Amino acid sequence: MMTTKEVANKLVAMCREGKVEEAKLEFFTEETVSTEPKEGLLPKETKGLKAIQDKANLFISHVEEFYGSTITEPVVAGDFFSIGWDTDLQMKGEKRQSMNELCVYEVKEGKIVSERFFY
């Protein structure tokens, strides 16, 4: 079973390679909960791999152009790790923008049981 640090490092590596959906398949379960800071385009809380994948697809469907992203090295503390994720994109009908978020993950038994976004 992978440690929290190992999960963090592999998730970051996969996301930097553009393998975000593959990372979800490897680390998320039907018990994983994803939390946004507020209700909006995306629901405040989403539970389960399929629902989290659907949420990602909803977001992607509103992106006009993707220019790139930068992900920090993970900071690990116990069963948690966090990363900073900056994305350069243009949403449909909007100007090009930089989205900055802090992503906090909780790991149990080698799987991500929660992700929480702050932006």
C-alpha atoms as a PDB file:
ATOM      1  CA  MET A   1       0.000   0.000   0.000  1.00  0.00           C
ATOM      2  CA  MET A   2       1.277   3.456  -0.916  1.00  0.00           C
ATOM      3  CA  THR A   3       2.033   6.063   1.734  1.00  0.00           C
ATOM      4  CA  THR A   4       0.463   9.523   1.641  1.00  0.00           C
ATOM      5  CA  LYS A   5       3.750  10.929   0.299  1.00  0.00           C
ATOM      6  CA  GLU A   6       3.875   8.297  -2.458  1.00  0.00           C
ATOM      7  CA  VAL A   7       0.246   8.983  -3.446  1.00  0.00           C
ATOM      8  CA  ALA A   8       0.961  12.737  -3.455  1.00  0.00           C
ATOM      9  CA  ASN A   9       4.070  12.408  -5.618  1.00  0.00           C
ATOM     10  CA  LYS A  10       2.398  10.061  -8.103  1.00  0.00           C
ATOM     11  CA  LEU A  11      -0.763  12.195  -8.346  1.00  0.00           C
ATOM     12  CA  VAL A  12       1.324  15.320  -9.047  1.00  0.00           C
ATOM     13  CA  ALA A  13       3.456  13.494 -11.644  1.00  0.00           C
ATOM     14  CA  MET A  14       0.376  12.134 -13.442  1.00  0.00           C
ATOM     15  CA  CYS A  15      -1.412  15.503 -13.416  1.00  0.00           C
ATOM     16  CA  ARG A  16       1.676  17.277 -14.754  1.00  0.00           C
ATOM     17  CA  GLU A  17       1.663  14.754 -17.630  1.00  0.00           C
ATOM     18  CA  GLY A  18      -1.992  15.590 -18.353  1.00  0.00           C
ATOM     19  CA  LYS A  19      -3.192  12.264 -16.919  1.00  0.00           C
ATOM     20  CA  VAL A  20      -5.728  13.770 -14.513  1.00  0.00           C
ATOM     21  CA  GLU A  21      -8.505  11.304 -15.360  1.00  0.00           C
ATOM     22  CA  GLU A  22      -6.116   8.334 -15.139  1.00  0.00           C
ATOM     23  CA  ALA A  23      -5.052   9.568 -11.686  1.00  0.00           C
ATOM     24  CA  LYS A  24      -8.691   9.620 -10.572  1.00  0.00           C
ATOM     25  CA  LEU A  25      -9.135   6.025 -11.753  1.00  0.00           C
ATOM     26  CA  GLU A  26      -6.068   4.978  -9.766  1.00  0.00           C
ATOM     27  CA  PHE A  27      -6.683   6.873  -6.534  1.00  0.00           C
ATOM     28  CA  PHE A  28     -10.398   7.714  -6.181  1.00  0.00           C
ATOM     29  CA  THR A  29     -13.163   5.387  -5.003  1.00  0.00           C
ATOM     30  CA  GLU A  30     -16.956   5.473  -4.809  1.00  0.00           C
ATOM     31  CA  GLU A  31     -16.471   6.870  -1.288  1.00  0.00           C
ATOM     32  CA  THR A  32     -14.248   9.800  -2.345  1.00  0.00           C
ATOM     33  CA  VAL A  33     -15.802  13.213  -1.650  1.00  0.00           C
ATOM     34  CA  SER A  34     -14.894  16.314  -3.678  1.00  0.00           C
ATOM     35  CA  THR A  35     -15.725  19.729  -2.179  1.00  0.00           C
ATOM     36  CA  GLU A  36     -15.767  23.122  -3.907  1.00  0.00           C
ATOM     37  CA  PRO A  37     -15.711  26.371  -1.867  1.00  0.00           C
ATOM     38  CA  LYS A  38     -19.250  27.285  -2.968  1.00  0.00           C
ATOM     39  CA  GLU A  39     -22.101  26.192  -5.210  1.00  0.00           C
ATOM     40  CA  GLY A  40     -21.812  27.620  -8.717  1.00  0.00           C
ATOM     41  CA  LEU A  41     -21.006  26.069 -12.083  1.00  0.00           C
ATOM     42  CA  LEU A  42     -19.894  23.029 -10.082  1.00  0.00           C
ATOM     43  CA  PRO A  43     -21.784  21.487  -7.166  1.00  0.00           C
ATOM     44  CA  LYS A  44     -20.439  22.235  -3.669  1.00  0.00           C
ATOM     45  CA  GLU A  45     -20.096  18.517  -2.836  1.00  0.00           C
ATOM     46  CA  THR A  46     -19.700  15.517  -5.117  1.00  0.00           C
ATOM     47  CA  LYS A  47     -19.336  11.902  -3.943  1.00  0.00           C
ATOM     48  CA  GLY A  48     -17.987   8.932  -5.860  1.00  0.00           C
ATOM     49  CA  LEU A  49     -15.627   8.414  -8.780  1.00  0.00           C
ATOM     50  CA  LYS A  50     -18.316   8.582 -11.502  1.00  0.00           C
ATOM     51  CA  ALA A  51     -19.894  11.771 -10.108  1.00  0.00           C
ATOM     52  CA  ILE A  52     -16.444  13.381  -9.746  1.00  0.00           C
ATOM     53  CA  GLN A  53     -15.643  12.441 -13.360  1.00  0.00           C
ATOM     54  CA  ASP A  54     -18.979  13.962 -14.453  1.00  0.00           C
ATOM     55  CA  LYS A  55     -18.122  17.160 -12.538  1.00  0.00           C
ATOM     56  CA  ALA A  56     -14.764  17.384 -14.356  1.00  0.00           C
ATOM     57  CA  ASN A  57     -16.490  16.891 -17.709  1.00  0.00           C
ATOM     58  CA  LEU A  58     -18.957  19.685 -16.865  1.00  0.00           C
ATOM     59  CA  PHE A  59     -16.073  22.048 -16.120  1.00  0.00           C
ATOM     60  CA  ILE A  60     -14.180  21.031 -19.288  1.00  0.00           C
ATOM     61  CA  SER A  61     -17.322  21.628 -21.379  1.00  0.00           C
ATOM     62  CA  HIS A  62     -17.197  25.307 -20.322  1.00  0.00           C
ATOM     63  CA  VAL A  63     -13.515  25.797 -21.288  1.00  0.00           C
ATOM     64  CA  GLU A  64     -12.963  27.591 -24.602  1.00  0.00           C
ATOM     65  CA  GLU A  65      -9.161  27.360 -24.641  1.00  0.00           C
ATOM     66  CA  PHE A  66      -6.597  25.748 -22.327  1.00  0.00           C
ATOM     67  CA  TYR A  67      -3.113  27.300 -22.356  1.00  0.00           C
ATOM     68  CA  GLY A  68      -1.373  25.315 -19.613  1.00  0.00           C
ATOM     69  CA  SER A  69      -1.011  24.778 -15.884  1.00  0.00           C
ATOM     70  CA  THR A  70       1.584  24.662 -13.134  1.00  0.00           C
ATOM     71  CA  ILE A  71       1.397  22.351 -10.124  1.00  0.00           C
ATOM     72  CA  THR A  72       3.559  22.854  -7.031  1.00  0.00           C
ATOM     73  CA  GLU A  73       5.372  20.114  -5.182  1.00  0.00           C
ATOM     74  CA  PRO A  74       3.083  18.505  -2.586  1.00  0.00           C
ATOM     75  CA  VAL A  75       3.223  19.402   1.094  1.00  0.00           C
ATOM     76  CA  VAL A  76       2.486  16.288   3.183  1.00  0.00           C
ATOM     77  CA  ALA A  77       1.277  16.161   6.803  1.00  0.00           C
ATOM     78  CA  GLY A  78       0.009  12.870   8.200  1.00  0.00           C
ATOM     79  CA  ASP A  79      -2.842  11.561   6.031  1.00  0.00           C
ATOM     80  CA  PHE A  80      -3.124  14.884   4.146  1.00  0.00           C
ATOM     81  CA  PHE A  81      -1.293  16.635   1.347  1.00  0.00           C
ATOM     82  CA  SER A  82      -1.818  19.878  -0.483  1.00  0.00           C
ATOM     83  CA  ILE A  83      -0.749  21.296  -3.831  1.00  0.00           C
ATOM     84  CA  GLY A  84      -1.060  24.654  -5.496  1.00  0.00           C
ATOM     85  CA  TRP A  85      -2.515  24.456  -9.011  1.00  0.00           C
ATOM     86  CA  ASP A  86      -2.432  27.460 -11.365  1.00  0.00           C
ATOM     87  CA  THR A  87      -4.281  27.135 -14.673  1.00  0.00           C
ATOM     88  CA  ASP A  88      -4.164  29.503 -17.636  1.00  0.00           C
ATOM     89  CA  LEU A  89      -7.399  29.230 -19.615  1.00  0.00           C
ATOM     90  CA  GLN A  90     -10.321  30.957 -21.250  1.00  0.00           C
ATOM     91  CA  MET A  91     -13.857  30.003 -20.272  1.00  0.00           C
ATOM     92  CA  LYS A  92     -16.551  30.249 -22.956  1.00  0.00           C
ATOM     93  CA  GLY A  93     -17.752  33.833 -23.281  1.00  0.00           C
ATOM     94  CA  GLU A  94     -15.052  35.183 -20.946  1.00  0.00           C
ATOM     95  CA  LYS A  95     -11.561  36.665 -21.195  1.00  0.00           C
ATOM     96  CA  ARG A  96      -8.399  34.608 -20.751  1.00  0.00           C
ATOM     97  CA  GLN A  97      -7.654  34.204 -17.045  1.00  0.00           C
ATOM     98  CA  SER A  98      -5.347  32.572 -14.548  1.00  0.00           C
ATOM     99  CA  MET A  99      -7.136  30.353 -12.026  1.00  0.00           C
ATOM    100  CA  ASN A 100      -5.243  29.740  -8.783  1.00  0.00           C
ATOM    101  CA  GLU A 101      -6.344  27.086  -6.353  1.00  0.00           C
ATOM    102  CA  LEU A 102      -5.141  25.191  -3.349  1.00  0.00           C
ATOM    103  CA  CYS A 103      -6.068  21.508  -3.438  1.00  0.00           C
ATOM    104  CA  VAL A 104      -6.104  19.520  -0.174  1.00  0.00           C
ATOM    105  CA  TYR A 105      -6.351  15.723  -0.264  1.00  0.00           C
ATOM    106  CA  GLU A 106      -6.891  13.113   2.444  1.00  0.00           C
ATOM    107  CA  VAL A 107      -5.442   9.630   1.961  1.00  0.00           C
ATOM    108  CA  LYS A 108      -6.533   6.410   3.676  1.00  0.00           C
ATOM    109  CA  GLU A 109      -5.081   2.992   2.816  1.00  0.00           C
ATOM    110  CA  GLY A 110      -3.403   4.295  -0.337  1.00  0.00           C
ATOM    111  CA  LYS A 111      -6.559   5.895  -1.785  1.00  0.00           C
ATOM    112  CA  ILE A 112      -7.766   9.494  -1.851  1.00  0.00           C
ATOM    113  CA  VAL A 113     -10.889   9.714   0.303  1.00  0.00           C
ATOM    114  CA  SER A 114     -11.417  13.458  -0.048  1.00  0.00           C
ATOM    115  CA  GLU A 115     -10.318  16.419  -2.113  1.00  0.00           C
ATOM    116  CA  ARG A 116     -11.130  19.995  -1.212  1.00  0.00           C
ATOM    117  CA  PHE A 117     -10.504  23.052  -3.359  1.00  0.00           C
ATOM    118  CA  PHE A 118      -9.895  26.624  -2.225  1.00  0.00           C
ATOM    119  CA  TYR A 119      -9.817  29.488  -4.739  1.00  0.00           C
END
